[in-house]
Amino acid sequence: MRYTPIDKSFFIKNRKKLTSKLASESLAVFQSNDIYPTNADGVMPFRQNNDIFYFSGIDQEDTILVIFPDAPDPRHREILFILETNEHLAIWEGNKLSKEDAKNLSGIEAVYWFHEFDKIFKQLMFDAKCIYCNQNEHGRAEKKVETRDDRFIATCKQLFPLHQYDRLAPIINELRSKKEKQEIDHISIACKITQSAFENILPIIKPGIKEYEIEASIIYDFIRNGSRGHAYQPIIASGINSCVLHYIQNDKECKSDDIILMDFGAEYGNYSSDLTRVVPVNGKFTKRQKDVYTSVLRVFKETKKLIKPGITLSELNKAAGEFVTEEILRLKLISAKELKKNSATPLYRNYFMHGIGHHLGLDVHDVHVKNAPLKSGMIITLEPGIYIRDEAIGIRLENDILVTSNGNIDLMEGIPIEIEEIEFLMKK
């Protein structure tokens, strides 16, 4: 394990919060992710399902968590099923978690082998009226692959058609949106690793470098600092590519007068960070690049002042849109006359096409309750941008912001963002 595990008290607390929201005589079931194939006998690296991790701390395949607060047998109110190791697995993959390991990580006393699930689950179902099932219910998710959750739900309804069924996602989205101290600590570590990678790549950027060379330097820094890698597919976008919001080819040569937009973040212990910075390839911004950068930085600072409990992301988006409108007027991208014309789509949307931020946590675009006001303990990104395709200038600046009772704390405050800082570090 590359990261320091979170203490089991965190997962015990999470399960208690979940239990308080379940209907009586109900049980909830969580499945680990599948290991997905590539080609021939290849497989993708395993990535645990975030929900089962959140409630158990188990970071291993073939894991099932059952929570049944009203189980007649007190031993079965929390049950963990894990993969049983054997000589073959030990030789080819290394030892898996023992039952004692699983108890120590999760705080769950009742631990069985994975192959025992069907028999024990059938017994539990005779004492339950409602089954809470889990699925990836996310506004941005596209349903293209059948998951282990999908298969379990289908099988469960076939075997037990007269039970009641309910969704876990609304409960989980509420719980996960507000972070505990242990989560904030992990995200802060991820931010520190990201900071190290950013500062270490600045001196190597120069005309002629390839975008993928920068990406390679970043992943090297991530892994050597205890991260398993990128929290999401990194964007290293020079020149006109800086105006492509989800550019991931990262295969172009960086030219002398170009800027490079870099959107990347380390994960640490399954938790994400998310940074965006823009730097000049030759170490010195042109006057126009500097003007646009200054405008985006001004929007960043003004919007950041508004982040506090009670405000919604919709309200932040509205305010950011007004700030961006002021800046594109100043940059002469639109005229005051054009602004007065009625339009179904605000004019600033031609230059700032995305939202001002999103929730951050186990997922980069973390789960949350839609339109709910921000609360102390939530973490969101702040990422204004202005993209001028005709000039091959795309500027986006992004930090991770912790909402507090007194306002907010910028978890990436130490990462250089001012023009003078960046130019100095590149020259150095």
Protein backbone atom coordinates (compact mmCIF):
# COMPACT_ATOMS: atom_id res chain seq x y z
CA MET A 1 0.00 0.00 0.00
CA ARG A 2 1.55 3.30 -1.08
CA TYR A 3 -0.50 5.52 1.20
CA THR A 4 -0.99 5.68 4.96
CA PRO A 5 -4.42 4.11 5.65
CA ILE A 6 -7.10 6.18 7.32
CA ASP A 7 -7.83 5.00 10.87
CA LYS A 8 -10.78 2.61 11.15
CA SER A 9 -12.65 5.09 13.38
CA PHE A 10 -13.41 7.09 10.22
CA PHE A 11 -15.13 4.16 8.53
CA ILE A 12 -16.97 3.20 11.73
CA LYS A 13 -18.32 6.75 11.92
CA ASN A 14 -19.38 6.68 8.27
CA ARG A 15 -21.32 3.47 8.77
CA LYS A 16 -23.08 4.95 11.79
CA LYS A 17 -24.11 7.97 9.73
CA LEU A 18 -25.48 5.67 7.04
CA THR A 19 -27.31 3.46 9.55
CA SER A 20 -29.16 6.48 10.94
CA LYS A 21 -30.67 7.13 7.50
CA LEU A 22 -31.83 3.61 6.62
CA ALA A 23 -35.44 2.54 7.05
CA SER A 24 -36.19 -0.08 9.69
CA GLU A 25 -35.68 -3.74 8.78
CA SER A 26 -33.50 -2.73 5.83
CA LEU A 27 -30.11 -3.86 4.67
CA ALA A 28 -27.65 -2.13 2.35
CA VAL A 29 -25.23 -3.88 0.00
CA PHE A 30 -22.01 -2.50 -1.46
CA GLN A 31 -19.94 -4.22 -4.14
CA SER A 32 -16.32 -3.66 -5.11
CA ASN A 33 -15.55 -2.73 -8.70
CA ASP A 34 -14.80 -5.32 -11.35
CA ILE A 35 -11.33 -5.76 -12.76
CA TYR A 36 -11.87 -4.75 -16.37
CA PRO A 37 -10.13 -6.53 -19.29
CA THR A 38 -8.03 -4.90 -21.99
CA ASN A 39 -6.95 -7.43 -24.65
CA ALA A 40 -5.63 -11.02 -24.62
CA ASP A 41 -5.02 -11.75 -20.93
CA GLY A 42 -4.45 -8.10 -19.98
CA VAL A 43 -6.47 -6.20 -17.41
CA MET A 44 -6.82 -2.61 -16.29
CA PRO A 45 -5.30 -1.65 -12.92
CA PHE A 46 -7.85 -2.21 -10.16
CA ARG A 47 -9.58 0.87 -8.77
CA GLN A 48 -11.87 0.34 -5.80
CA ASN A 49 -15.50 1.46 -5.84
CA ASN A 50 -15.49 4.71 -3.88
CA ASP A 51 -18.64 3.93 -1.90
CA ILE A 52 -17.47 0.60 -0.48
CA PHE A 53 -14.12 2.23 0.32
CA TYR A 54 -15.89 5.12 2.10
CA PHE A 55 -17.70 2.73 4.42
CA SER A 56 -15.04 0.05 4.91
CA GLY A 57 -11.54 1.21 3.96
CA ILE A 58 -11.03 -2.02 2.01
CA ASP A 59 -9.02 -1.36 -1.15
CA GLN A 60 -9.14 -4.83 -2.70
CA GLU A 61 -11.13 -6.60 -5.41
CA ASP A 62 -13.90 -9.15 -4.73
CA THR A 63 -15.19 -7.38 -1.64
CA ILE A 64 -18.80 -7.03 -0.47
CA LEU A 65 -20.09 -4.97 2.47
CA VAL A 66 -23.51 -5.63 4.01
CA ILE A 67 -25.02 -3.29 6.60
CA PHE A 68 -28.14 -4.61 8.37
CA PRO A 69 -28.78 -2.54 11.53
CA ASP A 70 -31.85 -4.58 12.60
CA ALA A 71 -30.39 -8.04 12.00
CA PRO A 72 -31.63 -10.41 14.74
CA ASP A 73 -28.10 -11.72 15.13
CA PRO A 74 -25.97 -8.78 16.39
CA ARG A 75 -22.91 -10.26 14.64
CA HIS A 76 -24.57 -9.71 11.28
CA ARG A 77 -25.34 -6.00 11.58
CA GLU A 78 -22.11 -5.27 9.73
CA ILE A 79 -20.57 -7.96 7.55
CA LEU A 80 -17.56 -7.88 5.27
CA PHE A 81 -16.83 -10.48 2.60
CA ILE A 82 -13.27 -10.54 1.23
CA LEU A 83 -11.29 -12.60 -1.24
CA GLU A 84 -9.71 -15.67 0.29
CA THR A 85 -6.04 -15.96 -0.52
CA ASN A 86 -4.44 -19.22 -1.67
CA GLU A 87 -1.06 -20.52 -2.76
CA HIS A 88 -1.67 -19.66 -6.42
CA LEU A 89 -2.61 -16.03 -5.65
CA ALA A 90 0.27 -15.70 -3.22
CA ILE A 91 2.76 -16.81 -5.89
CA TRP A 92 1.38 -14.76 -8.78
CA GLU A 93 -0.04 -11.64 -7.11
CA GLY A 94 1.09 -11.68 -3.49
CA ASN A 95 -0.97 -12.25 -0.39
CA LYS A 96 -4.43 -10.72 -0.09
CA LEU A 97 -5.93 -9.29 3.09
CA SER A 98 -6.42 -11.72 5.94
CA LYS A 99 -9.59 -11.59 8.02
CA GLU A 100 -7.60 -9.90 10.77
CA ASP A 101 -6.25 -7.31 8.31
CA ALA A 102 -9.80 -6.55 7.15
CA LYS A 103 -11.00 -6.15 10.75
CA ASN A 104 -8.16 -3.76 11.55
CA LEU A 105 -8.77 -1.62 8.46
CA SER A 106 -12.57 -1.47 8.68
CA GLY A 107 -13.49 -1.94 12.32
CA ILE A 108 -15.92 -4.70 11.25
CA GLU A 109 -15.84 -7.84 13.40
CA ALA A 110 -17.82 -10.19 11.15
CA VAL A 111 -15.54 -11.02 8.21
CA TYR A 112 -16.27 -13.92 5.86
CA TRP A 113 -14.73 -15.15 2.63
CA PHE A 114 -16.17 -13.86 -0.61
CA HIS A 115 -17.43 -17.28 -1.71
CA GLU A 116 -19.64 -17.49 1.40
CA PHE A 117 -21.74 -14.47 0.42
CA ASP A 118 -24.66 -16.20 -1.36
CA LYS A 119 -25.39 -18.57 1.52
CA ILE A 120 -25.25 -15.92 4.25
CA PHE A 121 -27.08 -13.29 2.22
CA LYS A 122 -30.00 -15.65 1.62
CA GLN A 123 -30.36 -16.10 5.39
CA LEU A 124 -30.30 -12.33 5.94
CA MET A 125 -32.97 -11.70 3.33
CA PHE A 126 -35.58 -13.67 5.32
CA ASP A 127 -35.26 -11.05 8.09
CA ALA A 128 -35.21 -7.95 5.86
CA LYS A 129 -38.08 -6.07 4.25
CA CYS A 130 -36.13 -3.57 2.15
CA ILE A 131 -32.83 -3.77 0.27
CA TYR A 132 -30.86 -0.61 -0.43
CA CYS A 133 -28.89 -1.06 -3.66
CA ASN A 134 -26.03 1.00 -4.95
CA GLN A 135 -25.40 2.36 -8.44
CA ASN A 136 -23.25 5.06 -10.00
CA GLU A 137 -25.88 7.80 -10.13
CA HIS A 138 -23.94 10.82 -11.36
CA GLY A 139 -25.14 13.63 -13.61
CA ARG A 140 -22.10 13.33 -15.87
CA ALA A 141 -21.92 9.52 -16.00
CA GLU A 142 -22.70 7.64 -19.21
CA LYS A 143 -24.07 4.13 -18.80
CA LYS A 144 -22.03 2.02 -21.24
CA VAL A 145 -20.68 -0.89 -19.17
CA GLU A 146 -22.57 -3.33 -16.94
CA THR A 147 -21.12 -3.15 -13.45
CA ARG A 148 -21.05 -5.62 -10.60
CA ASP A 149 -23.74 -3.52 -8.92
CA ASP A 150 -25.95 -3.89 -12.02
CA ARG A 151 -25.54 -7.67 -12.02
CA PHE A 152 -26.21 -7.94 -8.31
CA ILE A 153 -29.41 -5.88 -8.53
CA ALA A 154 -30.73 -7.98 -11.41
CA THR A 155 -29.96 -11.25 -9.62
CA CYS A 156 -31.35 -10.03 -6.31
CA LYS A 157 -34.66 -8.95 -7.85
CA GLN A 158 -34.94 -12.27 -9.64
CA LEU A 159 -34.37 -14.29 -6.46
CA PHE A 160 -36.29 -12.00 -4.12
CA PRO A 161 -38.94 -10.24 -6.23
CA LEU A 162 -41.33 -9.43 -3.37
CA HIS A 163 -38.91 -7.41 -1.28
CA GLN A 164 -38.87 -3.62 -1.37
CA TYR A 165 -35.93 -1.98 -3.10
CA ASP A 166 -34.51 1.50 -2.60
CA ARG A 167 -31.57 3.65 -3.78
CA LEU A 168 -28.45 4.29 -1.75
CA ALA A 169 -27.15 7.09 -3.96
CA PRO A 170 -29.23 9.96 -2.47
CA ILE A 171 -28.01 9.07 1.02
CA ILE A 172 -24.39 8.57 -0.03
CA ASN A 173 -24.30 11.79 -2.05
CA GLU A 174 -25.30 13.76 1.03
CA LEU A 175 -22.83 12.00 3.34
CA ARG A 176 -19.83 12.10 1.01
CA SER A 177 -20.25 15.76 0.04
CA LYS A 178 -19.18 16.93 3.51
CA LYS A 179 -15.62 15.88 4.32
CA GLU A 180 -14.24 14.68 7.63
CA LYS A 181 -10.80 15.76 8.85
CA GLN A 182 -9.17 12.53 7.63
CA GLU A 183 -10.44 13.15 4.11
CA ILE A 184 -9.27 16.76 4.13
CA ASP A 185 -5.85 15.55 5.27
CA HIS A 186 -5.63 13.06 2.37
CA ILE A 187 -6.73 15.67 -0.18
CA SER A 188 -4.20 18.12 1.28
CA ILE A 189 -1.44 15.55 0.78
CA ALA A 190 -2.60 15.07 -2.82
CA CYS A 191 -2.43 18.85 -3.29
CA LYS A 192 1.12 18.94 -1.90
CA ILE A 193 2.22 16.18 -4.28
CA THR A 194 0.63 18.13 -7.15
CA GLN A 195 2.46 21.28 -6.04
CA SER A 196 5.80 19.46 -6.10
CA ALA A 197 5.14 18.19 -9.63
CA PHE A 198 4.17 21.64 -10.89
CA GLU A 199 7.16 23.43 -9.41
CA ASN A 200 9.57 20.76 -10.68
CA ILE A 201 8.38 20.95 -14.29
CA LEU A 202 8.65 24.73 -14.66
CA PRO A 203 12.45 24.79 -15.18
CA ILE A 204 12.32 22.08 -17.89
CA ILE A 205 9.70 23.77 -20.06
CA LYS A 206 11.27 25.39 -23.13
CA PRO A 207 10.60 25.69 -26.88
CA GLY A 208 10.67 22.28 -28.57
CA ILE A 209 9.59 20.22 -25.59
CA LYS A 210 6.74 17.79 -26.30
CA GLU A 211 3.53 17.92 -24.29
CA TYR A 212 4.00 14.27 -23.33
CA GLU A 213 7.46 15.00 -21.92
CA ILE A 214 5.82 17.35 -19.45
CA GLU A 215 3.22 14.69 -18.66
CA ALA A 216 6.01 12.17 -18.04
CA SER A 217 7.72 14.49 -15.58
CA ILE A 218 4.46 14.94 -13.68
CA ILE A 219 3.75 11.22 -13.28
CA TYR A 220 7.35 10.64 -12.15
CA ASP A 221 6.87 13.19 -9.37
CA PHE A 222 3.51 11.74 -8.39
CA ILE A 223 4.72 8.17 -8.00
CA ARG A 224 7.92 9.00 -6.17
CA ASN A 225 5.85 10.94 -3.60
CA GLY A 226 3.48 8.08 -2.77
CA SER A 227 0.66 8.69 -5.23
CA ARG A 228 -0.60 5.89 -7.46
CA GLY A 229 -0.80 8.42 -10.27
CA HIS A 230 -3.17 10.88 -11.88
CA ALA A 231 -6.56 11.49 -10.30
CA TYR A 232 -7.85 11.95 -13.87
CA GLN A 233 -6.54 12.03 -17.41
CA PRO A 234 -4.10 14.99 -17.50
CA ILE A 235 -4.41 17.86 -19.96
CA ILE A 236 -1.12 19.28 -21.27
CA ALA A 237 -2.32 21.68 -23.96
CA SER A 238 -0.06 24.12 -25.80
CA GLY A 239 -1.04 26.80 -28.30
CA ILE A 240 -4.50 26.36 -29.81
CA ASN A 241 -4.90 23.16 -27.78
CA SER A 242 -5.26 25.36 -24.70
CA CYS A 243 -8.71 26.28 -26.03
CA VAL A 244 -9.84 22.62 -26.15
CA LEU A 245 -11.48 21.99 -22.79
CA HIS A 246 -10.81 18.24 -22.57
CA TYR A 247 -7.72 17.91 -24.75
CA ILE A 248 -5.84 14.74 -23.69
CA GLN A 249 -3.73 13.79 -26.71
CA ASN A 250 -0.71 15.58 -25.20
CA ASP A 251 1.40 14.88 -28.30
CA LYS A 252 2.30 18.26 -29.82
CA GLU A 253 5.56 20.18 -29.79
CA CYS A 254 5.48 23.36 -27.72
CA LYS A 255 6.40 26.47 -29.75
CA SER A 256 8.27 29.51 -28.45
CA ASP A 257 5.40 32.00 -28.36
CA ASP A 258 2.82 29.48 -27.14
CA ILE A 259 1.30 29.15 -23.73
CA ILE A 260 0.72 25.74 -22.11
CA LEU A 261 -2.44 25.01 -20.15
CA MET A 262 -1.78 22.17 -17.70
CA ASP A 263 -4.73 20.58 -15.89
CA PHE A 264 -3.63 17.70 -13.65
CA GLY A 265 -3.84 16.42 -10.10
CA ALA A 266 -2.40 13.64 -7.97
CA GLU A 267 -4.55 11.11 -6.15
CA TYR A 268 -3.58 10.00 -2.66
CA GLY A 269 -5.26 7.10 -0.90
CA ASN A 270 -8.13 7.23 -3.44
CA TYR A 271 -8.69 10.96 -2.84
CA SER A 272 -8.27 13.50 -5.64
CA SER A 273 -6.68 16.87 -6.24
CA ASP A 274 -7.32 19.09 -9.26
CA LEU A 275 -5.02 21.90 -10.46
CA THR A 276 -4.85 24.06 -13.56
CA ARG A 277 -2.05 26.47 -14.40
CA VAL A 278 -0.96 28.24 -17.59
CA VAL A 279 2.67 29.08 -18.34
CA PRO A 280 4.57 30.56 -21.33
CA VAL A 281 6.74 28.10 -23.26
CA ASN A 282 9.66 30.52 -23.53
CA GLY A 283 9.32 31.68 -19.93
CA LYS A 284 7.85 35.10 -20.68
CA PHE A 285 4.19 35.96 -21.35
CA THR A 286 3.46 38.28 -24.27
CA LYS A 287 1.53 41.44 -23.44
CA ARG A 288 -1.73 39.96 -24.76
CA GLN A 289 -1.23 36.66 -22.96
CA LYS A 290 -0.49 38.60 -19.79
CA ASP A 291 -3.64 40.71 -20.18
CA VAL A 292 -5.87 37.67 -20.59
CA TYR A 293 -4.14 35.85 -17.72
CA THR A 294 -4.60 38.90 -15.47
CA SER A 295 -8.31 38.97 -16.31
CA VAL A 296 -8.79 35.31 -15.40
CA LEU A 297 -6.80 35.75 -12.19
CA ARG A 298 -8.99 38.72 -11.29
CA VAL A 299 -12.13 36.58 -11.78
CA PHE A 300 -10.50 33.84 -9.68
CA LYS A 301 -9.80 36.19 -6.78
CA GLU A 302 -13.19 37.91 -6.85
CA THR A 303 -15.13 34.64 -7.02
CA LYS A 304 -13.02 33.10 -4.26
CA LYS A 305 -14.22 35.83 -1.89
CA LEU A 306 -17.79 34.57 -2.32
CA ILE A 307 -17.13 30.95 -1.38
CA LYS A 308 -18.69 30.37 2.04
CA PRO A 309 -21.46 28.32 3.67
CA GLY A 310 -24.91 29.04 2.30
CA ILE A 311 -24.01 29.96 -1.26
CA THR A 312 -24.79 27.52 -4.08
CA LEU A 313 -22.70 26.57 -7.09
CA SER A 314 -25.42 28.11 -9.27
CA GLU A 315 -24.99 31.43 -7.49
CA LEU A 316 -21.20 31.20 -7.85
CA ASN A 317 -21.61 30.50 -11.57
CA LYS A 318 -23.86 33.55 -11.96
CA ALA A 319 -21.39 35.80 -10.15
CA ALA A 320 -18.44 34.41 -12.12
CA GLY A 321 -20.32 35.03 -15.36
CA GLU A 322 -20.71 38.68 -14.41
CA PHE A 323 -17.00 38.95 -13.54
CA VAL A 324 -16.00 37.33 -16.85
CA THR A 325 -18.30 39.71 -18.74
CA GLU A 326 -16.45 42.68 -17.22
CA GLU A 327 -13.13 41.18 -18.27
CA ILE A 328 -14.05 40.35 -21.87
CA LEU A 329 -15.28 43.94 -22.21
CA ARG A 330 -11.90 45.12 -20.90
CA LEU A 331 -10.13 42.78 -23.32
CA LYS A 332 -12.26 44.18 -26.18
CA LEU A 333 -13.63 40.76 -27.07
CA ILE A 334 -17.12 42.23 -27.00
CA SER A 335 -18.39 45.79 -27.10
CA ALA A 336 -20.77 47.55 -24.74
CA LYS A 337 -23.20 47.83 -27.64
CA GLU A 338 -23.18 44.06 -28.20
CA LEU A 339 -23.71 43.49 -24.50
CA LYS A 340 -26.95 45.50 -24.54
CA LYS A 341 -28.52 43.21 -27.13
CA ASN A 342 -30.80 40.54 -25.75
CA SER A 343 -29.49 37.03 -26.20
CA ALA A 344 -30.75 33.63 -25.07
CA THR A 345 -27.15 32.70 -24.25
CA PRO A 346 -24.99 35.25 -22.39
CA LEU A 347 -22.16 36.58 -24.56
CA TYR A 348 -19.52 35.55 -22.03
CA ARG A 349 -20.38 31.92 -22.84
CA ASN A 350 -18.48 32.33 -26.11
CA TYR A 351 -15.31 32.67 -24.04
CA PHE A 352 -16.12 30.83 -20.78
CA MET A 353 -18.03 27.65 -21.62
CA HIS A 354 -17.85 25.58 -18.43
CA GLY A 355 -18.86 25.93 -14.81
CA ILE A 356 -16.89 27.77 -12.16
CA GLY A 357 -16.22 24.58 -10.19
CA HIS A 358 -17.35 21.20 -8.89
CA HIS A 359 -17.24 19.15 -5.71
CA LEU A 360 -14.00 17.26 -5.07
CA GLY A 361 -13.24 14.16 -3.00
CA LEU A 362 -12.98 10.45 -3.76
CA ASP A 363 -14.12 11.41 -7.25
CA VAL A 364 -12.65 14.38 -9.10
CA HIS A 365 -16.21 15.40 -9.96
CA ASP A 366 -17.41 14.24 -6.58
CA VAL A 367 -20.95 13.26 -5.68
CA HIS A 368 -23.17 15.83 -3.97
CA VAL A 369 -26.76 16.94 -3.55
CA LYS A 370 -27.70 18.98 -6.61
CA ASN A 371 -28.36 22.69 -5.94
CA ALA A 372 -27.72 22.27 -2.20
CA PRO A 373 -26.02 25.23 -0.48
CA LEU A 374 -22.37 24.80 0.41
CA LYS A 375 -21.59 23.70 3.96
CA SER A 376 -18.48 23.84 6.11
CA GLY A 377 -16.37 20.79 5.29
CA MET A 378 -17.20 20.66 1.60
CA ILE A 379 -14.40 20.95 -0.95
CA ILE A 380 -14.96 22.47 -4.37
CA THR A 381 -12.73 23.53 -7.22
CA LEU A 382 -12.54 27.13 -8.41
CA GLU A 383 -11.69 27.27 -12.12
CA PRO A 384 -12.54 30.36 -14.15
CA GLY A 385 -11.28 30.59 -17.72
CA ILE A 386 -11.23 32.70 -20.86
CA TYR A 387 -10.64 30.97 -24.20
CA ILE A 388 -9.89 32.95 -27.37
CA ARG A 389 -9.55 30.48 -30.22
CA ASP A 390 -8.72 33.16 -32.82
CA GLU A 391 -5.63 34.07 -30.79
CA ALA A 392 -4.74 30.54 -29.60
CA ILE A 393 -4.97 31.75 -26.02
CA GLY A 394 -6.78 29.60 -23.47
CA ILE A 395 -6.34 30.58 -19.84
CA ARG A 396 -7.81 28.57 -16.96
CA LEU A 397 -6.71 28.80 -13.34
CA GLU A 398 -7.88 26.22 -10.82
CA ASN A 399 -7.39 25.56 -7.12
CA ASP A 400 -9.12 23.30 -4.58
CA ILE A 401 -11.09 25.22 -1.95
CA LEU A 402 -12.24 23.99 1.46
CA VAL A 403 -15.43 25.64 2.71
CA THR A 404 -15.18 26.63 6.39
CA SER A 405 -17.50 28.25 8.91
CA ASN A 406 -15.53 31.49 8.44
CA GLY A 407 -15.39 31.40 4.64
CA ASN A 408 -12.85 29.19 2.90
CA ILE A 409 -9.30 27.86 2.87
CA ASP A 410 -7.40 27.47 -0.40
CA LEU A 411 -5.72 24.06 -0.20
CA MET A 412 -3.46 25.08 -3.12
CA GLU A 413 -2.60 28.54 -1.89
CA GLY A 414 1.11 27.71 -1.88
CA ILE A 415 1.18 26.79 -5.58
CA PRO A 416 2.51 29.69 -7.69
CA ILE A 417 -0.22 31.50 -9.59
CA GLU A 418 0.96 35.10 -10.02
CA ILE A 419 2.62 35.97 -13.35
CA GLU A 420 5.79 37.20 -11.66
CA GLU A 421 6.14 33.98 -9.61
CA ILE A 422 5.77 31.76 -12.67
CA GLU A 423 8.19 33.74 -14.84
CA PHE A 424 10.73 33.82 -12.02
CA LEU A 425 10.58 30.06 -11.45
CA MET A 426 10.85 29.35 -15.17
CA LYS A 427 13.88 31.60 -15.50
CA LYS A 428 15.44 29.97 -12.44
